């Protein structure tokens, strides 16, 4: 099941990134997180930036509301969504994350 928890400053969930892939895609469930393939290499923060960009687009949330909480130099990352100035509420975001977790090759 997807690791997702509410913190006092936002919503925390887990992703597993695979840098230097042939294409950018959200694969879906991988262990207790969402697996994301990225074309960017893990150099100069490129993969982290692309990860946030892809999540921002899929979740329809501004990039400024998504941050890497932990795991900046790891393939396993904890992502924090900051709720201020988001039109969606926490319940909607959780549902969107579960949809990404359960989908294949989006």
PDB file of N, CA and C in Angstrom:
ATOM      1  N   UNK A   1       0.837  -1.182   0.000  1.00  0.00           N
ATOM      2  CA  UNK A   1       0.000   0.000   0.000  1.00  0.00           C
ATOM      3  C   UNK A   1       0.881   1.244   0.000  1.00  0.00           C
ATOM      4  N   UNK A   2       0.397   2.286  -0.597  1.00  0.00           N
ATOM      5  CA  UNK A   2       1.135   3.533  -0.727  1.00  0.00           C
ATOM      6  C   UNK A   2       1.412   4.172   0.629  1.00  0.00           C
ATOM      7  N   UNK A   3       2.681   4.530   0.843  1.00  0.00           N
ATOM      8  CA  UNK A   3       3.048   5.293   2.036  1.00  0.00           C
ATOM      9  C   UNK A   3       2.609   6.728   1.799  1.00  0.00           C
ATOM     10  N   UNK A   4       1.653   7.169   2.590  1.00  0.00           N
ATOM     11  CA  UNK A   4       1.169   8.539   2.505  1.00  0.00           C
ATOM     12  C   UNK A   4       0.717   8.950   3.901  1.00  0.00           C
ATOM     13  N   UNK A   5       1.158  10.102   4.334  1.00  0.00           N
ATOM     14  CA  UNK A   5       0.814  10.554   5.669  1.00  0.00           C
ATOM     15  C   UNK A   5       0.636  12.069   5.686  1.00  0.00           C
ATOM     16  N   UNK A   6      -0.239  12.515   6.541  1.00  0.00           N
ATOM     17  CA  UNK A   6      -0.442  13.946   6.711  1.00  0.00           C
ATOM     18  C   UNK A   6       0.507  14.445   7.787  1.00  0.00           C
ATOM     19  N   UNK A   7       1.186  15.529   7.489  1.00  0.00           N
ATOM     20  CA  UNK A   7       2.039  16.201   8.457  1.00  0.00           C
ATOM     21  C   UNK A   7       1.408  17.567   8.705  1.00  0.00           C
ATOM     22  N   UNK A   8       1.828  18.221   9.761  1.00  0.00           N
ATOM     23  CA  UNK A   8       1.214  19.511  10.067  1.00  0.00           C
ATOM     24  C   UNK A   8       1.478  20.552   8.978  1.00  0.00           C
ATOM     25  N   UNK A   9       2.551  20.371   8.206  1.00  0.00           N
ATOM     26  CA  UNK A   9       2.848  21.328   7.148  1.00  0.00           C
ATOM     27  C   UNK A   9       2.553  20.808   5.742  1.00  0.00           C
ATOM     28  N   UNK A  10       1.913  19.630   5.621  1.00  0.00           N
ATOM     29  CA  UNK A  10       1.578  19.136   4.294  1.00  0.00           C
ATOM     30  C   UNK A  10       1.316  17.644   4.238  1.00  0.00           C
ATOM     31  N   UNK A  11       1.381  17.119   3.034  1.00  0.00           N
ATOM     32  CA  UNK A  11       1.107  15.716   2.761  1.00  0.00           C
ATOM     33  C   UNK A  11       2.391  15.062   2.261  1.00  0.00           C
ATOM     34  N   UNK A  12       2.816  13.980   2.919  1.00  0.00           N
ATOM     35  CA  UNK A  12       4.079  13.318   2.623  1.00  0.00           C
ATOM     36  C   UNK A  12       3.814  11.955   1.985  1.00  0.00           C
ATOM     37  N   UNK A  13       4.536  11.668   0.887  1.00  0.00           N
ATOM     38  CA  UNK A  13       4.414  10.356   0.239  1.00  0.00           C
ATOM     39  C   UNK A  13       5.758   9.960  -0.344  1.00  0.00           C
ATOM     40  N   UNK A  14       5.863   8.701  -0.759  1.00  0.00           N
ATOM     41  CA  UNK A  14       7.137   8.139  -1.209  1.00  0.00           C
ATOM     42  C   UNK A  14       7.129   7.887  -2.716  1.00  0.00           C
ATOM     43  N   UNK A  15       8.259   8.212  -3.357  1.00  0.00           N
ATOM     44  CA  UNK A  15       8.461   7.871  -4.762  1.00  0.00           C
ATOM     45  C   UNK A  15       9.810   7.167  -4.915  1.00  0.00           C
ATOM     46  N   UNK A  16       9.879   6.355  -5.943  1.00  0.00           N
ATOM     47  CA  UNK A  16      11.125   5.689  -6.338  1.00  0.00           C
ATOM     48  C   UNK A  16      11.429   6.162  -7.752  1.00  0.00           C
ATOM     49  N   UNK A  17      12.576   6.778  -7.952  1.00  0.00           N
ATOM     50  CA  UNK A  17      12.913   7.290  -9.281  1.00  0.00           C
ATOM     51  C   UNK A  17      13.950   6.403  -9.949  1.00  0.00           C
ATOM     52  N   UNK A  18      13.825   6.329 -11.270  1.00  0.00           N
ATOM     53  CA  UNK A  18      14.795   5.612 -12.085  1.00  0.00           C
ATOM     54  C   UNK A  18      15.327   6.615 -13.105  1.00  0.00           C
ATOM     55  N   UNK A  19      16.474   7.248 -12.807  1.00  0.00           N
ATOM     56  CA  UNK A  19      17.029   8.248 -13.727  1.00  0.00           C
ATOM     57  C   UNK A  19      17.627   7.603 -14.979  1.00  0.00           C
ATOM     58  N   UNK A  20      17.881   8.436 -15.960  1.00  0.00           N
ATOM     59  CA  UNK A  20      18.489   8.026 -17.235  1.00  0.00           C
ATOM     60  C   UNK A  20      17.671   6.962 -17.965  1.00  0.00           C
ATOM     61  N   UNK A  21      16.352   7.054 -17.891  1.00  0.00           N
ATOM     62  CA  UNK A  21      15.475   6.139 -18.618  1.00  0.00           C
ATOM     63  C   UNK A  21      15.289   6.639 -20.046  1.00  0.00           C
ATOM     64  N   UNK A  22      14.706   5.807 -20.876  1.00  0.00           N
ATOM     65  CA  UNK A  22      14.495   6.198 -22.273  1.00  0.00           C
ATOM     66  C   UNK A  22      13.349   7.192 -22.433  1.00  0.00           C
ATOM     67  N   UNK A  23      12.421   7.216 -21.459  1.00  0.00           N
ATOM     68  CA  UNK A  23      11.321   8.187 -21.516  1.00  0.00           C
ATOM     69  C   UNK A  23      10.856   8.510 -20.103  1.00  0.00           C
ATOM     70  N   UNK A  24      10.167   9.632 -19.974  1.00  0.00           N
ATOM     71  CA  UNK A  24       9.579  10.027 -18.697  1.00  0.00           C
ATOM     72  C   UNK A  24       8.217   9.362 -18.561  1.00  0.00           C
ATOM     73  N   UNK A  25       7.996   8.677 -17.450  1.00  0.00           N
ATOM     74  CA  UNK A  25       6.686   8.065 -17.224  1.00  0.00           C
ATOM     75  C   UNK A  25       6.513   7.705 -15.756  1.00  0.00           C
ATOM     76  N   UNK A  26       5.254   7.711 -15.357  1.00  0.00           N
ATOM     77  CA  UNK A  26       4.908   7.247 -14.026  1.00  0.00           C
ATOM     78  C   UNK A  26       4.457   5.803 -14.201  1.00  0.00           C
ATOM     79  N   UNK A  27       5.171   4.888 -13.596  1.00  0.00           N
ATOM     80  CA  UNK A  27       4.918   3.459 -13.766  1.00  0.00           C
ATOM     81  C   UNK A  27       3.768   2.998 -12.889  1.00  0.00           C
ATOM     82  N   UNK A  28       3.681   3.526 -11.685  1.00  0.00           N
ATOM     83  CA  UNK A  28       2.636   3.108 -10.749  1.00  0.00           C
ATOM     84  C   UNK A  28       3.261   2.531  -9.497  1.00  0.00           C
ATOM     85  N   UNK A  29       2.620   1.510  -8.957  1.00  0.00           N
ATOM     86  CA  UNK A  29       3.024   0.936  -7.669  1.00  0.00           C
ATOM     87  C   UNK A  29       4.398   0.281  -7.733  1.00  0.00           C
ATOM     88  N   UNK A  30       5.219   0.604  -6.757  1.00  0.00           N
ATOM     89  CA  UNK A  30       6.495  -0.064  -6.544  1.00  0.00           C
ATOM     90  C   UNK A  30       6.737  -0.047  -5.043  1.00  0.00           C
ATOM     91  N   UNK A  31       6.692  -1.216  -4.441  1.00  0.00           N
ATOM     92  CA  UNK A  31       6.769  -1.343  -2.987  1.00  0.00           C
ATOM     93  C   UNK A  31       5.700  -0.466  -2.359  1.00  0.00           C
ATOM     94  N   UNK A  32       6.084   0.484  -1.506  1.00  0.00           N
ATOM     95  CA  UNK A  32       5.092   1.342  -0.859  1.00  0.00           C
ATOM     96  C   UNK A  32       5.141   2.772  -1.408  1.00  0.00           C
ATOM     97  N   UNK A  33       5.572   2.901  -2.667  1.00  0.00           N
ATOM     98  CA  UNK A  33       5.661   4.214  -3.291  1.00  0.00           C
ATOM     99  C   UNK A  33       5.245   4.177  -4.745  1.00  0.00           C
ATOM    100  N   UNK A  34       5.415   5.312  -5.395  1.00  0.00           N
ATOM    101  CA  UNK A  34       5.094   5.469  -6.811  1.00  0.00           C
ATOM    102  C   UNK A  34       6.403   5.495  -7.576  1.00  0.00           C
ATOM    103  N   UNK A  35       6.543   4.630  -8.584  1.00  0.00           N
ATOM    104  CA  UNK A  35       7.772   4.585  -9.373  1.00  0.00           C
ATOM    105  C   UNK A  35       7.662   5.538 -10.554  1.00  0.00           C
ATOM    106  N   UNK A  36       8.717   6.333 -10.726  1.00  0.00           N
ATOM    107  CA  UNK A  36       8.757   7.315 -11.807  1.00  0.00           C
ATOM    108  C   UNK A  36      10.048   7.124 -12.594  1.00  0.00           C
ATOM    109  N   UNK A  37       9.923   6.935 -13.900  1.00  0.00           N
ATOM    110  CA  UNK A  37      11.096   6.860 -14.773  1.00  0.00           C
ATOM    111  C   UNK A  37      11.379   8.258 -15.302  1.00  0.00           C
ATOM    112  N   UNK A  38      12.659   8.642 -15.259  1.00  0.00           N
ATOM    113  CA  UNK A  38      13.068   9.982 -15.667  1.00  0.00           C
ATOM    114  C   UNK A  38      14.179   9.900 -16.704  1.00  0.00           C
ATOM    115  N   UNK A  39      14.121  10.759 -17.707  1.00  0.00           N
ATOM    116  CA  UNK A  39      15.194  10.791 -18.704  1.00  0.00           C
ATOM    117  C   UNK A  39      16.418  11.531 -18.182  1.00  0.00           C
ATOM    118  N   UNK A  40      16.238  12.376 -17.200  1.00  0.00           N
ATOM    119  CA  UNK A  40      17.337  13.181 -16.663  1.00  0.00           C
ATOM    120  C   UNK A  40      18.318  12.320 -15.868  1.00  0.00           C
ATOM    121  N   UNK A  41      19.597  12.685 -15.918  1.00  0.00           N
ATOM    122  CA  UNK A  41      20.587  11.981 -15.106  1.00  0.00           C
ATOM    123  C   UNK A  41      20.560  12.497 -13.665  1.00  0.00           C
ATOM    124  N   UNK A  42      21.100  11.719 -12.736  1.00  0.00           N
ATOM    125  CA  UNK A  42      21.131  12.161 -11.336  1.00  0.00           C
ATOM    126  C   UNK A  42      22.317  13.091 -11.061  1.00  0.00           C
ATOM    127  N   UNK A  43      22.456  14.103 -11.894  1.00  0.00           N
ATOM    128  CA  UNK A  43      23.576  15.030 -11.794  1.00  0.00           C
ATOM    129  C   UNK A  43      23.030  16.454 -11.717  1.00  0.00           C
ATOM    130  N   UNK A  44      23.642  17.269 -10.880  1.00  0.00           N
ATOM    131  CA  UNK A  44      23.263  18.684 -10.743  1.00  0.00           C
ATOM    132  C   UNK A  44      21.772  18.876 -10.465  1.00  0.00           C
ATOM    133  N   UNK A  45      21.187  17.965  -9.707  1.00  0.00           N
ATOM    134  CA  UNK A  45      19.789  18.076  -9.296  1.00  0.00           C
ATOM    135  C   UNK A  45      18.791  17.932 -10.449  1.00  0.00           C
ATOM    136  N   UNK A  46      19.252  17.509 -11.623  1.00  0.00           N
ATOM    137  CA  UNK A  46      18.391  17.434 -12.804  1.00  0.00           C
ATOM    138  C   UNK A  46      17.246  16.440 -12.617  1.00  0.00           C
ATOM    139  N   UNK A  47      17.539  15.273 -12.073  1.00  0.00           N
ATOM    140  CA  UNK A  47      16.488  14.264 -11.882  1.00  0.00           C
ATOM    141  C   UNK A  47      15.457  14.738 -10.848  1.00  0.00           C
ATOM    142  N   UNK A  48      15.916  15.390  -9.792  1.00  0.00           N
ATOM    143  CA  UNK A  48      14.987  15.894  -8.774  1.00  0.00           C
ATOM    144  C   UNK A  48      14.046  16.939  -9.365  1.00  0.00           C
ATOM    145  N   UNK A  49      14.585  17.857 -10.149  1.00  0.00           N
ATOM    146  CA  UNK A  49      13.766  18.899 -10.772  1.00  0.00           C
ATOM    147  C   UNK A  49      12.736  18.288 -11.720  1.00  0.00           C
ATOM    148  N   UNK A  50      13.164  17.300 -12.504  1.00  0.00           N
ATOM    149  CA  UNK A  50      12.245  16.663 -13.435  1.00  0.00           C
ATOM    150  C   UNK A  50      11.172  15.878 -12.692  1.00  0.00           C
ATOM    151  N   UNK A  51      11.531  15.231 -11.608  1.00  0.00           N
ATOM    152  CA  UNK A  51      10.566  14.500 -10.783  1.00  0.00           C
ATOM    153  C   UNK A  51       9.468  15.445 -10.295  1.00  0.00           C
ATOM    154  N   UNK A  52       9.857  16.595  -9.786  1.00  0.00           N
ATOM    155  CA  UNK A  52       8.879  17.579  -9.302  1.00  0.00           C
ATOM    156  C   UNK A  52       8.029  18.102 -10.457  1.00  0.00           C
ATOM    157  N   UNK A  53       8.635  18.334 -11.604  1.00  0.00           N
ATOM    158  CA  UNK A  53       7.898  18.822 -12.771  1.00  0.00           C
ATOM    159  C   UNK A  53       6.823  17.825 -13.211  1.00  0.00           C
ATOM    160  N   UNK A  54       7.187  16.546 -13.258  1.00  0.00           N
ATOM    161  CA  UNK A  54       6.235  15.515 -13.675  1.00  0.00           C
ATOM    162  C   UNK A  54       5.100  15.385 -12.664  1.00  0.00           C
ATOM    163  N   UNK A  55       5.425  15.352 -11.381  1.00  0.00           N
ATOM    164  CA  UNK A  55       4.388  15.268 -10.352  1.00  0.00           C
ATOM    165  C   UNK A  55       3.478  16.494 -10.390  1.00  0.00           C
ATOM    166  N   UNK A  56       4.061  17.650 -10.607  1.00  0.00           N
ATOM    167  CA  UNK A  56       3.284  18.884 -10.693  1.00  0.00           C
ATOM    168  C   UNK A  56       2.256  18.805 -11.821  1.00  0.00           C
ATOM    169  N   UNK A  57       2.704  18.331 -12.952  1.00  0.00           N
ATOM    170  CA  UNK A  57       1.815  18.222 -14.122  1.00  0.00           C
ATOM    171  C   UNK A  57       0.710  17.194 -13.883  1.00  0.00           C
ATOM    172  N   UNK A  58       1.080  16.026 -13.375  1.00  0.00           N
ATOM    173  CA  UNK A  58       0.092  14.954 -13.160  1.00  0.00           C
ATOM    174  C   UNK A  58      -0.916  15.292 -12.072  1.00  0.00           C
ATOM    175  N   UNK A  59      -0.456  15.943 -11.014  1.00  0.00           N
ATOM    176  CA  UNK A  59      -1.341  16.261  -9.887  1.00  0.00           C
ATOM    177  C   UNK A  59      -2.030  17.617 -10.041  1.00  0.00           C
ATOM    178  N   UNK A  60      -1.610  18.368 -11.076  1.00  0.00           N
ATOM    179  CA  UNK A  60      -2.161  19.708 -11.316  1.00  0.00           C
ATOM    180  C   UNK A  60      -1.968  20.611 -10.095  1.00  0.00           C
ATOM    181  N   UNK A  61      -0.727  20.599  -9.604  1.00  0.00           N
ATOM    182  CA  UNK A  61      -0.326  21.409  -8.463  1.00  0.00           C
ATOM    183  C   UNK A  61       0.941  22.164  -8.865  1.00  0.00           C
ATOM    184  N   UNK A  62       1.041  23.397  -8.468  1.00  0.00           N
ATOM    185  CA  UNK A  62       2.209  24.214  -8.785  1.00  0.00           C
ATOM    186  C   UNK A  62       3.498  23.560  -8.275  1.00  0.00           C
ATOM    187  N   UNK A  63       4.566  23.679  -9.058  1.00  0.00           N
ATOM    188  CA  UNK A  63       5.869  23.138  -8.655  1.00  0.00           C
ATOM    189  C   UNK A  63       6.335  23.735  -7.333  1.00  0.00           C
ATOM    190  N   UNK A  64       5.945  24.971  -7.068  1.00  0.00           N
ATOM    191  CA  UNK A  64       6.369  25.620  -5.823  1.00  0.00           C
ATOM    192  C   UNK A  64       5.711  24.996  -4.590  1.00  0.00           C
ATOM    193  N   UNK A  65       4.659  24.203  -4.788  1.00  0.00           N
ATOM    194  CA  UNK A  65       3.984  23.522  -3.677  1.00  0.00           C
ATOM    195  C   UNK A  65       4.472  22.093  -3.478  1.00  0.00           C
ATOM    196  N   UNK A  66       5.469  21.676  -4.258  1.00  0.00           N
ATOM    197  CA  UNK A  66       6.007  20.316  -4.149  1.00  0.00           C
ATOM    198  C   UNK A  66       7.492  20.419  -3.840  1.00  0.00           C
ATOM    199  N   UNK A  67       7.928  19.703  -2.814  1.00  0.00           N
ATOM    200  CA  UNK A  67       9.332  19.741  -2.427  1.00  0.00           C
ATOM    201  C   UNK A  67       9.812  18.344  -2.038  1.00  0.00           C
ATOM    202  N   UNK A  68      11.098  18.121  -2.183  1.00  0.00           N
ATOM    203  CA  UNK A  68      11.685  16.861  -1.746  1.00  0.00           C
ATOM    204  C   UNK A  68      11.999  16.997  -0.270  1.00  0.00           C
ATOM    205  N   UNK A  69      11.288  16.248   0.550  1.00  0.00           N
ATOM    206  CA  UNK A  69      11.415  16.296   2.002  1.00  0.00           C
ATOM    207  C   UNK A  69      12.682  15.578   2.448  1.00  0.00           C
ATOM    208  N   UNK A  70      12.953  14.435   1.824  1.00  0.00           N
ATOM    209  CA  UNK A  70      14.183  13.687   2.103  1.00  0.00           C
ATOM    210  C   UNK A  70      14.527  12.811   0.910  1.00  0.00           C
ATOM    211  N   UNK A  71      15.793  12.476   0.776  1.00  0.00           N
ATOM    212  CA  UNK A  71      16.233  11.590  -0.288  1.00  0.00           C
ATOM    213  C   UNK A  71      16.716  12.302  -1.537  1.00  0.00           C
ATOM    214  N   UNK A  72      17.233  13.514  -1.401  1.00  0.00           N
ATOM    215  CA  UNK A  72      17.678  14.264  -2.577  1.00  0.00           C
ATOM    216  C   UNK A  72      18.750  13.535  -3.377  1.00  0.00           C
ATOM    217  N   UNK A  73      19.592  12.762  -2.719  1.00  0.00           N
ATOM    218  CA  UNK A  73      20.651  12.041  -3.424  1.00  0.00           C
ATOM    219  C   UNK A  73      20.365  10.546  -3.528  1.00  0.00           C
ATOM    220  N   UNK A  74      19.148  10.146  -3.233  1.00  0.00           N
ATOM    221  CA  UNK A  74      18.752   8.748  -3.255  1.00  0.00           C
ATOM    222  C   UNK A  74      17.690   8.514  -4.322  1.00  0.00           C
ATOM    223  N   UNK A  75      17.540   7.275  -4.741  1.00  0.00           N
ATOM    224  CA  UNK A  75      16.449   6.942  -5.663  1.00  0.00           C
ATOM    225  C   UNK A  75      15.111   6.915  -4.937  1.00  0.00           C
ATOM    226  N   UNK A  76      15.146   6.670  -3.637  1.00  0.00           N
ATOM    227  CA  UNK A  76      13.942   6.687  -2.820  1.00  0.00           C
ATOM    228  C   UNK A  76      13.798   8.081  -2.228  1.00  0.00           C
ATOM    229  N   UNK A  77      12.685   8.725  -2.527  1.00  0.00           N
ATOM    230  CA  UNK A  77      12.474  10.094  -2.077  1.00  0.00           C
ATOM    231  C   UNK A  77      11.146  10.218  -1.349  1.00  0.00           C
ATOM    232  N   UNK A  78      11.120  11.062  -0.355  1.00  0.00           N
ATOM    233  CA  UNK A  78       9.877  11.435   0.308  1.00  0.00           C
ATOM    234  C   UNK A  78       9.525  12.827  -0.207  1.00  0.00           C
ATOM    235  N   UNK A  79       8.355  12.936  -0.780  1.00  0.00           N
ATOM    236  CA  UNK A  79       7.892  14.185  -1.384  1.00  0.00           C
ATOM    237  C   UNK A  79       6.856  14.817  -0.459  1.00  0.00           C
ATOM    238  N   UNK A  80       6.985  16.116  -0.266  1.00  0.00           N
ATOM    239  CA  UNK A  80       6.048  16.860   0.573  1.00  0.00           C
ATOM    240  C   UNK A  80       5.266  17.830  -0.300  1.00  0.00           C
ATOM    241  N   UNK A  81       3.940  17.730  -0.213  1.00  0.00           N
ATOM    242  CA  UNK A  81       3.073  18.689  -0.893  1.00  0.00           C
ATOM    243  C   UNK A  81       2.596  19.684   0.150  1.00  0.00           C
ATOM    244  N   UNK A  82       2.899  20.940  -0.098  1.00  0.00           N
ATOM    245  CA  UNK A  82       2.517  22.012   0.807  1.00  0.00           C
ATOM    246  C   UNK A  82       1.135  22.531   0.403  1.00  0.00           C
ATOM    247  N   UNK A  83       0.165  22.524   1.306  1.00  0.00           N
ATOM    248  CA  UNK A  83      -1.212  22.823   0.932  1.00  0.00           C
ATOM    249  C   UNK A  83      -1.552  24.297   0.720  1.00  0.00           C
ATOM    250  N   UNK A  84      -0.696  25.234   1.140  1.00  0.00           N
ATOM    251  CA  UNK A  84      -1.071  26.629   0.995  1.00  0.00           C
ATOM    252  C   UNK A  84      -1.202  27.016  -0.480  1.00  0.00           C
ATOM    253  N   UNK A  85      -2.229  27.757  -0.782  1.00  0.00           N
ATOM    254  CA  UNK A  85      -2.526  28.252  -2.130  1.00  0.00           C
ATOM    255  C   UNK A  85      -2.805  27.146  -3.146  1.00  0.00           C
ATOM    256  N   UNK A  86      -3.288  26.019  -2.687  1.00  0.00           N
ATOM    257  CA  UNK A  86      -3.685  24.935  -3.588  1.00  0.00           C
ATOM    258  C   UNK A  86      -5.210  24.916  -3.650  1.00  0.00           C
ATOM    259  N   UNK A  87      -5.745  24.837  -4.863  1.00  0.00           N
ATOM    260  CA  UNK A  87      -7.201  24.816  -5.018  1.00  0.00           C
ATOM    261  C   UNK A  87      -7.792  23.483  -4.562  1.00  0.00           C
ATOM    262  N   UNK A  88      -6.982  22.415  -4.604  1.00  0.00           N
ATOM    263  CA  UNK A  88      -7.447  21.099  -4.176  1.00  0.00           C
ATOM    264  C   UNK A  88      -7.286  20.968  -2.664  1.00  0.00           C
ATOM    265  N   UNK A  89      -8.130  20.143  -2.059  1.00  0.00           N
ATOM    266  CA  UNK A  89      -7.925  19.872  -0.641  1.00  0.00           C
ATOM    267  C   UNK A  89      -7.132  18.579  -0.479  1.00  0.00           C
ATOM    268  N   UNK A  90      -6.709  18.293   0.724  1.00  0.00           N
ATOM    269  CA  UNK A  90      -5.868  17.129   1.015  1.00  0.00           C
ATOM    270  C   UNK A  90      -6.530  15.836   0.547  1.00  0.00           C
ATOM    271  N   UNK A  91      -7.826  15.717   0.725  1.00  0.00           N
ATOM    272  CA  UNK A  91      -8.551  14.505   0.324  1.00  0.00           C
ATOM    273  C   UNK A  91      -8.431  14.265  -1.189  1.00  0.00           C
ATOM    274  N   UNK A  92      -8.564  15.320  -1.978  1.00  0.00           N
ATOM    275  CA  UNK A  92      -8.443  15.195  -3.434  1.00  0.00           C
ATOM    276  C   UNK A  92      -7.025  14.799  -3.843  1.00  0.00           C
ATOM    277  N   UNK A  93      -6.045  15.391  -3.184  1.00  0.00           N
ATOM    278  CA  UNK A  93      -4.649  15.076  -3.503  1.00  0.00           C
ATOM    279  C   UNK A  93      -4.350  13.616  -3.168  1.00  0.00           C
ATOM    280  N   UNK A  94      -4.826  13.143  -2.025  1.00  0.00           N
ATOM    281  CA  UNK A  94      -4.640  11.735  -1.658  1.00  0.00           C
ATOM    282  C   UNK A  94      -5.248  10.820  -2.710  1.00  0.00           C
ATOM    283  N   UNK A  95      -6.441  11.159  -3.186  1.00  0.00           N
ATOM    284  CA  UNK A  95      -7.109  10.344  -4.203  1.00  0.00           C
ATOM    285  C   UNK A  95      -6.293  10.332  -5.502  1.00  0.00           C
ATOM    286  N   UNK A  96      -5.765  11.490  -5.892  1.00  0.00           N
ATOM    287  CA  UNK A  96      -4.926  11.566  -7.091  1.00  0.00           C
ATOM    288  C   UNK A  96      -3.663  10.718  -6.944  1.00  0.00           C
ATOM    289  N   UNK A  97      -3.051  10.757  -5.762  1.00  0.00           N
ATOM    290  CA  UNK A  97      -1.851   9.951  -5.519  1.00  0.00           C
ATOM    291  C   UNK A  97      -2.163   8.462  -5.565  1.00  0.00           C
ATOM    292  N   UNK A  98      -3.276   8.064  -4.987  1.00  0.00           N
ATOM    293  CA  UNK A  98      -3.670   6.653  -5.048  1.00  0.00           C
ATOM    294  C   UNK A  98      -3.929   6.224  -6.479  1.00  0.00           C
ATOM    295  N   UNK A  99      -4.509   7.107  -7.286  1.00  0.00           N
ATOM    296  CA  UNK A  99      -4.739   6.793  -8.700  1.00  0.00           C
ATOM    297  C   UNK A  99      -3.413   6.576  -9.433  1.00  0.00           C
ATOM    298  N   UNK A 100      -2.417   7.423  -9.156  1.00  0.00           N
ATOM    299  CA  UNK A 100      -1.094   7.242  -9.767  1.00  0.00           C
ATOM    300  C   UNK A 100      -0.460   5.933  -9.301  1.00  0.00           C
ATOM    301  N   UNK A 101      -0.646   5.595  -8.046  1.00  0.00           N
ATOM    302  CA  UNK A 101      -0.088   4.374  -7.476  1.00  0.00           C
ATOM    303  C   UNK A 101      -0.689   3.141  -8.143  1.00  0.00           C
ATOM    304  N   UNK A 102      -1.984   3.183  -8.398  1.00  0.00           N
ATOM    305  CA  UNK A 102      -2.683   2.022  -8.948  1.00  0.00           C
ATOM    306  C   UNK A 102      -2.610   1.909 -10.462  1.00  0.00           C
ATOM    307  N   UNK A 103      -2.239   2.989 -11.145  1.00  0.00           N
ATOM    308  CA  UNK A 103      -2.173   2.979 -12.611  1.00  0.00           C
ATOM    309  C   UNK A 103      -0.889   2.340 -13.112  1.00  0.00           C
ATOM    310  N   UNK A 104      -0.938   1.982 -14.358  1.00  0.00           N
ATOM    311  CA  UNK A 104       0.243   1.431 -15.032  1.00  0.00           C
ATOM    312  C   UNK A 104       0.583   2.327 -16.225  1.00  0.00           C
ATOM    313  N   UNK A 105       1.874   2.684 -16.343  1.00  0.00           N
ATOM    314  CA  UNK A 105       2.421   3.414 -17.495  1.00  0.00           C
ATOM    315  C   UNK A 105       1.628   4.641 -17.903  1.00  0.00           C
ATOM    316  N   UNK A 106       1.504   5.612 -16.994  1.00  0.00           N
ATOM    317  CA  UNK A 106       0.794   6.850 -17.326  1.00  0.00           C
ATOM    318  C   UNK A 106       1.733   7.868 -17.907  1.00  0.00           C
TER     319      UNK A 106
END
